[in-house]
Amino acid sequence: MTDKSKIISDAAMDILFRDARTYNGWQDKEVSEVLLQAVYDLMKWGPTSANCSPARFKFVKSPEAKQKLKPHLSEGNVDKTMSAPVTVIIANHMEFYEELPKLFPHTDAKSWFVGNEGMIKDTAMRNGTLQGAYLMLAARSLGLDCGPMSGFNKKGVKDTFFPDENVEINFLCNLGYGDADSLFARSPRFDFDEAAEIL
């Protein structure tokens, strides 16, 4: 039997999923550092394998930081990113396993990864992407809108914002209060039977 005490409201489901959209334009409203820290502090509880937590986040907020990001953006992403209050760079730390003695202390999980480049890469990409999605859900749950995107020079972003860190850039996500006039018509989604099967 379903435990109804664990089911969020229909309104919350709308905010997180059904009414959530990818915004291309933004209202001129500030996003505070306190709110960004709250987004992170909610996101960090999302599960990753062996609690590996490989994602690293740079919240690009100041005009100076935005100008450093601008030359690395694809043409179609420039205006919406420059007008967004915040752009988050989501990167995967490729030496995440060095922190496993702290994050997963009940076994020697670090030894699973040392020297296993394929496992490191797969684990970082899978779990870092999960954490990027958790970040979006956390932001939406705290009243922000999101604009996740590809379309940028990964090497340029890495060299500019993580010059001395062993990371791979995953994706970018604009955050703020979306301008509804910037939305495209909602695109269709697959029905259950088109994309899923119960075995």
Protein backbone atom coordinates (compact mmCIF):
# COMPACT_ATOMS: atom_id res chain seq x y z
CA MET A 1 0.00 0.00 0.00
CA THR A 2 1.25 3.49 -0.88
CA ASP A 3 2.36 5.62 2.06
CA LYS A 4 0.46 8.82 1.27
CA SER A 5 2.54 10.76 3.77
CA LYS A 6 5.45 10.48 1.32
CA ILE A 7 3.57 11.80 -1.72
CA ILE A 8 4.11 15.45 -2.53
CA SER A 9 1.17 17.60 -3.59
CA ASP A 10 -0.04 17.96 -7.17
CA ALA A 11 1.07 21.59 -7.01
CA ALA A 12 4.61 20.50 -6.12
CA MET A 13 4.62 17.97 -8.98
CA ASP A 14 3.57 20.76 -11.34
CA ILE A 15 6.46 22.95 -10.15
CA LEU A 16 9.04 20.21 -10.48
CA PHE A 17 7.82 18.51 -13.67
CA ARG A 18 4.51 19.16 -15.41
CA ASP A 19 4.64 22.96 -15.59
CA ALA A 20 8.44 23.30 -15.49
CA ARG A 21 9.92 24.70 -18.69
CA THR A 22 13.32 25.50 -20.17
CA TYR A 23 13.51 29.30 -20.19
CA ASN A 24 15.27 31.36 -22.84
CA GLY A 25 14.56 34.78 -21.33
CA TRP A 26 14.65 36.17 -17.83
CA GLN A 27 13.07 38.78 -15.63
CA ASP A 28 15.38 41.43 -14.21
CA LYS A 29 15.30 40.00 -10.70
CA GLU A 30 18.23 39.28 -8.42
CA VAL A 31 19.11 35.76 -7.28
CA SER A 32 20.87 36.05 -3.94
CA GLU A 33 23.95 34.15 -2.84
CA VAL A 34 21.93 32.86 0.11
CA LEU A 35 19.40 31.32 -2.28
CA LEU A 36 22.16 29.73 -4.39
CA GLN A 37 23.68 28.20 -1.27
CA ALA A 38 20.23 26.88 -0.33
CA VAL A 39 19.92 25.27 -3.77
CA TYR A 40 23.24 23.52 -3.26
CA ASP A 41 22.39 22.46 0.28
CA LEU A 42 19.21 20.80 -0.99
CA MET A 43 20.82 19.26 -4.08
CA LYS A 44 23.63 17.59 -2.16
CA TRP A 45 21.28 15.04 -0.59
CA GLY A 46 20.51 13.39 -3.93
CA PRO A 47 22.04 9.89 -4.17
CA THR A 48 25.21 9.05 -6.08
CA SER A 49 26.93 5.67 -6.28
CA ALA A 50 29.13 5.13 -3.21
CA ASN A 51 28.22 8.73 -2.33
CA CYS A 52 30.96 9.72 -4.79
CA SER A 53 29.53 13.21 -5.46
CA PRO A 54 31.75 14.07 -8.45
CA ALA A 55 29.95 17.23 -9.55
CA ARG A 56 31.56 20.61 -9.02
CA PHE A 57 29.61 23.83 -9.54
CA LYS A 58 30.62 27.35 -10.48
CA PHE A 59 27.80 29.88 -10.11
CA VAL A 60 28.64 32.56 -12.67
CA LYS A 61 26.87 35.63 -11.34
CA SER A 62 28.96 38.80 -11.54
CA PRO A 63 29.14 40.85 -14.75
CA GLU A 64 32.88 40.21 -14.86
CA ALA A 65 32.43 36.44 -14.66
CA LYS A 66 29.68 36.56 -17.28
CA GLN A 67 32.01 38.36 -19.68
CA LYS A 68 34.59 35.61 -19.18
CA LEU A 69 31.97 33.00 -20.07
CA LYS A 70 30.55 34.84 -23.09
CA PRO A 71 33.26 34.03 -25.68
CA HIS A 72 32.84 30.30 -25.05
CA LEU A 73 29.10 30.25 -25.77
CA SER A 74 27.51 29.19 -29.03
CA GLU A 75 25.86 32.11 -30.81
CA GLY A 76 22.33 30.96 -29.96
CA ASN A 77 23.13 30.81 -26.24
CA VAL A 78 24.73 34.24 -25.82
CA ASP A 79 21.72 36.51 -25.26
CA LYS A 80 19.81 34.22 -22.92
CA THR A 81 22.93 33.52 -20.86
CA MET A 82 24.03 37.13 -20.61
CA SER A 83 20.53 38.11 -19.44
CA ALA A 84 20.21 35.28 -16.90
CA PRO A 85 20.91 36.28 -13.30
CA VAL A 86 23.12 33.21 -12.81
CA THR A 87 24.68 30.57 -15.02
CA VAL A 88 25.84 27.39 -13.34
CA ILE A 89 28.76 25.46 -14.81
CA ILE A 90 28.33 21.80 -13.92
CA ALA A 91 31.63 19.93 -14.09
CA ASN A 92 32.70 16.41 -13.14
CA HIS A 93 35.78 16.09 -10.96
CA MET A 94 37.87 13.26 -12.37
CA GLU A 95 39.66 12.58 -9.08
CA PHE A 96 36.44 12.34 -7.07
CA TYR A 97 37.60 9.00 -5.64
CA GLU A 98 40.26 10.78 -3.57
CA GLU A 99 37.41 12.02 -1.34
CA LEU A 100 35.82 8.60 -0.83
CA PRO A 101 37.57 7.98 2.52
CA LYS A 102 35.56 10.99 3.76
CA LEU A 103 32.33 10.42 1.82
CA PHE A 104 32.11 6.60 2.01
CA PRO A 105 34.20 5.73 5.08
CA HIS A 106 32.88 2.26 5.89
CA THR A 107 34.89 0.56 3.15
CA ASP A 108 37.93 1.21 0.95
CA ALA A 109 35.95 2.47 -2.06
CA LYS A 110 38.89 4.53 -3.31
CA SER A 111 40.68 1.32 -4.29
CA TRP A 112 37.84 0.48 -6.69
CA PHE A 113 38.83 3.41 -8.89
CA VAL A 114 42.59 3.93 -8.64
CA GLY A 115 44.10 3.04 -12.01
CA ASN A 116 40.73 2.18 -13.58
CA GLU A 117 40.26 5.07 -16.00
CA GLY A 118 37.17 3.63 -17.68
CA MET A 119 35.35 3.20 -14.38
CA ILE A 120 36.40 6.69 -13.26
CA LYS A 121 35.07 8.30 -16.44
CA ASP A 122 31.78 6.37 -16.46
CA THR A 123 31.14 6.98 -12.76
CA ALA A 124 31.96 10.68 -12.97
CA MET A 125 29.71 11.26 -15.99
CA ARG A 126 26.77 9.24 -14.69
CA ASN A 127 26.75 10.66 -11.19
CA GLY A 128 27.78 14.19 -12.10
CA THR A 129 24.87 14.33 -14.54
CA LEU A 130 22.53 13.08 -11.83
CA GLN A 131 23.76 15.86 -9.56
CA GLY A 132 23.14 18.42 -12.29
CA ALA A 133 19.55 17.18 -12.53
CA TYR A 134 19.20 17.31 -8.74
CA LEU A 135 20.40 20.91 -8.89
CA MET A 136 17.61 21.77 -11.32
CA LEU A 137 14.96 20.12 -9.14
CA ALA A 138 16.32 21.88 -6.05
CA ALA A 139 16.27 25.24 -7.87
CA ARG A 140 12.68 24.71 -9.04
CA SER A 141 11.59 23.67 -5.57
CA LEU A 142 13.00 26.95 -4.21
CA GLY A 143 11.14 29.10 -6.74
CA LEU A 144 13.73 29.45 -9.50
CA ASP A 145 13.41 28.61 -13.18
CA CYS A 146 16.04 26.75 -15.17
CA GLY A 147 17.53 26.87 -18.63
CA PRO A 148 19.87 23.88 -19.07
CA MET A 149 21.94 23.86 -22.23
CA SER A 150 24.71 22.44 -24.30
CA GLY A 151 26.19 24.67 -26.98
CA PHE A 152 29.49 25.94 -25.64
CA ASN A 153 33.23 25.34 -25.93
CA LYS A 154 34.04 22.86 -23.20
CA LYS A 155 37.78 23.43 -23.33
CA GLY A 156 37.37 27.18 -23.18
CA VAL A 157 35.06 26.96 -20.17
CA LYS A 158 37.40 24.52 -18.45
CA ASP A 159 40.51 26.62 -19.06
CA THR A 160 38.76 29.81 -17.91
CA PHE A 161 36.93 28.61 -14.82
CA PHE A 162 38.78 25.44 -13.73
CA PRO A 163 42.34 26.08 -14.97
CA ASP A 164 44.11 24.02 -12.32
CA GLU A 165 41.46 21.39 -11.59
CA ASN A 166 41.11 17.94 -13.11
CA VAL A 167 37.53 18.29 -14.29
CA GLU A 168 35.48 17.65 -17.40
CA ILE A 169 32.74 20.16 -18.16
CA ASN A 170 29.31 18.55 -18.34
CA PHE A 171 26.66 21.21 -19.09
CA LEU A 172 25.51 24.73 -18.27
CA CYS A 173 22.27 25.80 -16.63
CA ASN A 174 20.87 29.32 -16.45
CA LEU A 175 18.97 30.14 -13.25
CA GLY A 176 16.60 32.95 -12.43
CA TYR A 177 12.97 33.96 -12.77
CA GLY A 178 11.86 33.09 -16.26
CA ASP A 179 10.14 35.42 -18.69
CA ALA A 180 7.11 33.50 -19.99
CA ASP A 181 7.26 35.44 -23.27
CA SER A 182 10.50 33.61 -24.06
CA LEU A 183 8.92 30.16 -24.02
CA PHE A 184 8.36 28.08 -27.13
CA ALA A 185 5.24 25.98 -27.48
CA ARG A 186 5.57 22.88 -25.33
CA SER A 187 7.09 19.97 -27.23
CA PRO A 188 5.45 16.53 -27.05
CA ARG A 189 6.69 13.68 -24.89
CA PHE A 190 6.54 9.93 -25.44
CA ASP A 191 3.66 8.03 -23.89
CA PHE A 192 4.56 5.20 -21.52
CA ASP A 193 4.12 2.47 -24.14
CA GLU A 194 6.42 4.26 -26.57
CA ALA A 195 9.38 4.49 -24.20
CA ALA A 196 8.88 2.03 -21.35
CA GLU A 197 8.02 -1.57 -20.67
CA ILE A 198 7.20 -3.43 -17.49
CA LEU A 199 8.81 -6.88 -17.53
